[in-house]
Amino acid sequence: MFVAVACDLGNADRLASVGNLLLQYGFRKLQQNLYESAVISEKSLLRLKKELDGLTDSYDSLRFYQYPLEDTLVVSSLKEKKWRKLVLTVEGKGL
């Protein structure tokens, strides 16, 4: 599964902590605050999201772009300490 993560964090310490955690999970840093992985499993991604939840506060936001997940693009975002999900499918397939 391909996953890209965009980070908008409130301070440099949290940015460093989140960046290091993403690198530990095998993500590559592409640009400032932008990471991607083409090898992370769904199980590892769920574990990563739980760990990131503990490293962030209500001023931080993270956005995950996952493809393919059951022939869909899934956009997950953490904002104000709440996870939200947007699921986009190809017309005639999926939901």
C-alpha atoms as a PDB file:
ATOM      1  CA  MET A   1       0.000   0.000   0.000  1.00  0.00           C
ATOM      2  CA  PHE A   2       1.213   3.512  -0.793  1.00  0.00           C
ATOM      3  CA  VAL A   3       0.868   6.056   2.025  1.00  0.00           C
ATOM      4  CA  ALA A   4       1.839   9.738   2.034  1.00  0.00           C
ATOM      5  CA  VAL A   5       1.742  11.815   5.223  1.00  0.00           C
ATOM      6  CA  ALA A   6       1.550  15.614   5.416  1.00  0.00           C
ATOM      7  CA  CYS A   7       2.379  17.106   8.824  1.00  0.00           C
ATOM      8  CA  ASP A   8       1.373  20.484  10.254  1.00  0.00           C
ATOM      9  CA  LEU A   9       2.663  20.503  13.812  1.00  0.00           C
ATOM     10  CA  GLY A  10       2.606  23.242  16.430  1.00  0.00           C
ATOM     11  CA  ASN A  11       6.258  23.183  17.466  1.00  0.00           C
ATOM     12  CA  ALA A  12       9.687  21.950  16.423  1.00  0.00           C
ATOM     13  CA  ASP A  13       9.932  19.306  19.175  1.00  0.00           C
ATOM     14  CA  ARG A  14       6.754  17.546  18.048  1.00  0.00           C
ATOM     15  CA  LEU A  15       7.809  17.877  14.422  1.00  0.00           C
ATOM     16  CA  ALA A  16      11.100  16.131  15.240  1.00  0.00           C
ATOM     17  CA  SER A  17       9.341  13.411  17.274  1.00  0.00           C
ATOM     18  CA  VAL A  18       6.752  12.712  14.581  1.00  0.00           C
ATOM     19  CA  GLY A  19       9.381  12.799  11.827  1.00  0.00           C
ATOM     20  CA  ASN A  20      11.597  10.328  13.685  1.00  0.00           C
ATOM     21  CA  LEU A  21       8.665   7.987  14.285  1.00  0.00           C
ATOM     22  CA  LEU A  22       7.709   8.055  10.603  1.00  0.00           C
ATOM     23  CA  LEU A  23      11.311   7.246   9.645  1.00  0.00           C
ATOM     24  CA  GLN A  24      11.310   4.328  12.114  1.00  0.00           C
ATOM     25  CA  TYR A  25       8.261   2.930  10.309  1.00  0.00           C
ATOM     26  CA  GLY A  26      10.116   3.060   6.980  1.00  0.00           C
ATOM     27  CA  PHE A  27       8.809   6.332   5.566  1.00  0.00           C
ATOM     28  CA  ARG A  28      11.065   8.535   3.419  1.00  0.00           C
ATOM     29  CA  LYS A  29      11.170  12.280   3.916  1.00  0.00           C
ATOM     30  CA  LEU A  30      10.409  13.881   0.537  1.00  0.00           C
ATOM     31  CA  GLN A  31      10.062  17.522   1.497  1.00  0.00           C
ATOM     32  CA  GLN A  32       9.723  19.465   4.691  1.00  0.00           C
ATOM     33  CA  ASN A  33       6.728  17.967   6.553  1.00  0.00           C
ATOM     34  CA  LEU A  34       5.980  15.418   3.789  1.00  0.00           C
ATOM     35  CA  TYR A  35       6.721  11.682   4.040  1.00  0.00           C
ATOM     36  CA  GLU A  36       5.820   8.608   1.979  1.00  0.00           C
ATOM     37  CA  SER A  37       6.043   4.823   2.106  1.00  0.00           C
ATOM     38  CA  ALA A  38       5.189   2.183  -0.476  1.00  0.00           C
ATOM     39  CA  VAL A  39       5.808  -0.774   1.833  1.00  0.00           C
ATOM     40  CA  ILE A  40       3.912  -0.170   5.085  1.00  0.00           C
ATOM     41  CA  SER A  41       1.284  -2.771   5.968  1.00  0.00           C
ATOM     42  CA  GLU A  42      -2.232  -1.919   7.090  1.00  0.00           C
ATOM     43  CA  LYS A  43      -1.505  -3.376  10.543  1.00  0.00           C
ATOM     44  CA  SER A  44       1.646  -1.254  10.942  1.00  0.00           C
ATOM     45  CA  LEU A  45      -0.233   1.832   9.762  1.00  0.00           C
ATOM     46  CA  LEU A  46      -2.887   1.362  12.449  1.00  0.00           C
ATOM     47  CA  ARG A  47      -0.160   0.999  15.092  1.00  0.00           C
ATOM     48  CA  LEU A  48       1.601   4.110  13.746  1.00  0.00           C
ATOM     49  CA  LYS A  49      -1.592   6.175  13.960  1.00  0.00           C
ATOM     50  CA  LYS A  50      -2.052   5.183  17.619  1.00  0.00           C
ATOM     51  CA  GLU A  51       1.532   6.173  18.408  1.00  0.00           C
ATOM     52  CA  LEU A  52       1.130   9.480  16.573  1.00  0.00           C
ATOM     53  CA  ASP A  53      -2.031  10.174  18.558  1.00  0.00           C
ATOM     54  CA  GLY A  54       0.099  10.148  21.710  1.00  0.00           C
ATOM     55  CA  LEU A  55       2.749  12.486  20.271  1.00  0.00           C
ATOM     56  CA  THR A  56       0.399  15.225  19.064  1.00  0.00           C
ATOM     57  CA  ASP A  57      -1.865  17.773  20.714  1.00  0.00           C
ATOM     58  CA  SER A  58      -5.000  19.604  19.639  1.00  0.00           C
ATOM     59  CA  TYR A  59      -3.032  22.240  17.675  1.00  0.00           C
ATOM     60  CA  ASP A  60      -1.413  19.635  15.407  1.00  0.00           C
ATOM     61  CA  SER A  61      -2.783  18.098  12.235  1.00  0.00           C
ATOM     62  CA  LEU A  62      -1.687  15.099  10.180  1.00  0.00           C
ATOM     63  CA  ARG A  63      -3.104  13.959   6.854  1.00  0.00           C
ATOM     64  CA  PHE A  64      -2.643  10.447   5.451  1.00  0.00           C
ATOM     65  CA  TYR A  65      -3.247   9.570   1.795  1.00  0.00           C
ATOM     66  CA  GLN A  66      -3.607   5.785   1.347  1.00  0.00           C
ATOM     67  CA  TYR A  67      -3.915   4.000  -1.987  1.00  0.00           C
ATOM     68  CA  PRO A  68      -5.045   1.407  -2.919  1.00  0.00           C
ATOM     69  CA  LEU A  69      -7.229   0.233  -0.105  1.00  0.00           C
ATOM     70  CA  GLU A  70      -9.980  -1.950  -1.579  1.00  0.00           C
ATOM     71  CA  ASP A  71      -9.835  -0.012  -4.907  1.00  0.00           C
ATOM     72  CA  THR A  72     -10.234   3.312  -3.137  1.00  0.00           C
ATOM     73  CA  LEU A  73      -8.237   6.329  -2.079  1.00  0.00           C
ATOM     74  CA  VAL A  74      -8.556   6.860   1.665  1.00  0.00           C
ATOM     75  CA  VAL A  75      -7.658  10.218   3.205  1.00  0.00           C
ATOM     76  CA  SER A  76      -7.371  10.106   6.998  1.00  0.00           C
ATOM     77  CA  SER A  77      -6.720  13.231   9.014  1.00  0.00           C
ATOM     78  CA  LEU A  78      -5.991  13.975  12.645  1.00  0.00           C
ATOM     79  CA  LYS A  79      -7.145  17.433  13.648  1.00  0.00           C
ATOM     80  CA  GLU A  80      -8.040  18.700  17.108  1.00  0.00           C
ATOM     81  CA  LYS A  81      -7.207  15.208  18.453  1.00  0.00           C
ATOM     82  CA  LYS A  82      -9.964  13.591  16.327  1.00  0.00           C
ATOM     83  CA  TRP A  83      -9.466  11.215  13.411  1.00  0.00           C
ATOM     84  CA  ARG A  84     -11.598  11.758  10.308  1.00  0.00           C
ATOM     85  CA  LYS A  85     -11.754   9.643   7.154  1.00  0.00           C
ATOM     86  CA  LEU A  86     -12.698  10.446   3.564  1.00  0.00           C
ATOM     87  CA  VAL A  87     -13.147   7.501   1.169  1.00  0.00           C
ATOM     88  CA  LEU A  88     -13.074   8.100  -2.596  1.00  0.00           C
ATOM     89  CA  THR A  89     -13.958   5.249  -4.946  1.00  0.00           C
ATOM     90  CA  VAL A  90     -13.824   4.779  -8.687  1.00  0.00           C
ATOM     91  CA  GLU A  91     -17.317   5.187 -10.149  1.00  0.00           C
ATOM     92  CA  GLY A  92     -18.921   1.796 -10.608  1.00  0.00           C
ATOM     93  CA  LYS A  93     -16.662   0.166  -8.018  1.00  0.00           C
ATOM     94  CA  GLY A  94     -16.494   0.036  -4.264  1.00  0.00           C
ATOM     95  CA  LEU A  95     -19.115   1.646  -2.075  1.00  0.00           C
END
